[in-house]
């Protein structure tokens, strides 16, 4: 598939969100989506924080798509949150990205994609990522050569590329980044979240306990 021809529409015109929560949570020992974090579950908190990301014109990230495993239990979510399921299990973030992009309403141009285990997410980080996404198909954080595909903005027009990669069992997100117009954001560019708290996903009970303390919960 050839590299994408840039659309005439700006990728930040209409902003949606996609939250992937279908992982096995093996090291955590229980469902991250259902894990308590103060008065909310972790998924509920990430949904709320992502919705607080506001563009310079006052537009919020909406709607949001939550991508879960086929039989996964989820907490109660706001009525405007769209819930969808992975088409196939154990296929990594590209499978969740496909499900999320397919579930977005047709008028959404781009979505910030994250996981459900980042309860320290900073809404300003998301807003700045959308601003940095102008003119690109994917905008992703990169630190010391390592990209963070679940801290990235994807245009909905990347969907055919995602499906092509999945059909060919090319499951690494870097293959998508190589196929489309991708901007890699360096840590020093992220002024809205200089400590990069948004990137701190929780994998173990120790991570969880430290995050609770940092959030003063």
Foldseek 3Di string as FASTA:
>chain_A
DAADDFDPDWLLPAEAAEAEQADPLVQAPDRQQQPDQDPGGLQQLVCVQQQPQAAPVGDGHDDYEYEYADPDDHDDHPPRYHYDYFPDPPLPDLSSVLGRLVPDPPPNFKYQAAYSQLNVAHSPLLNVQSVVCTPWQKEWEAEPRRTDRRGIMHTSVLNVVSVVCVVVSVRDCVVSPVRYGYHYDYLVVRPRCNVPSRSQGDRHVVSVVVVSVVVVD
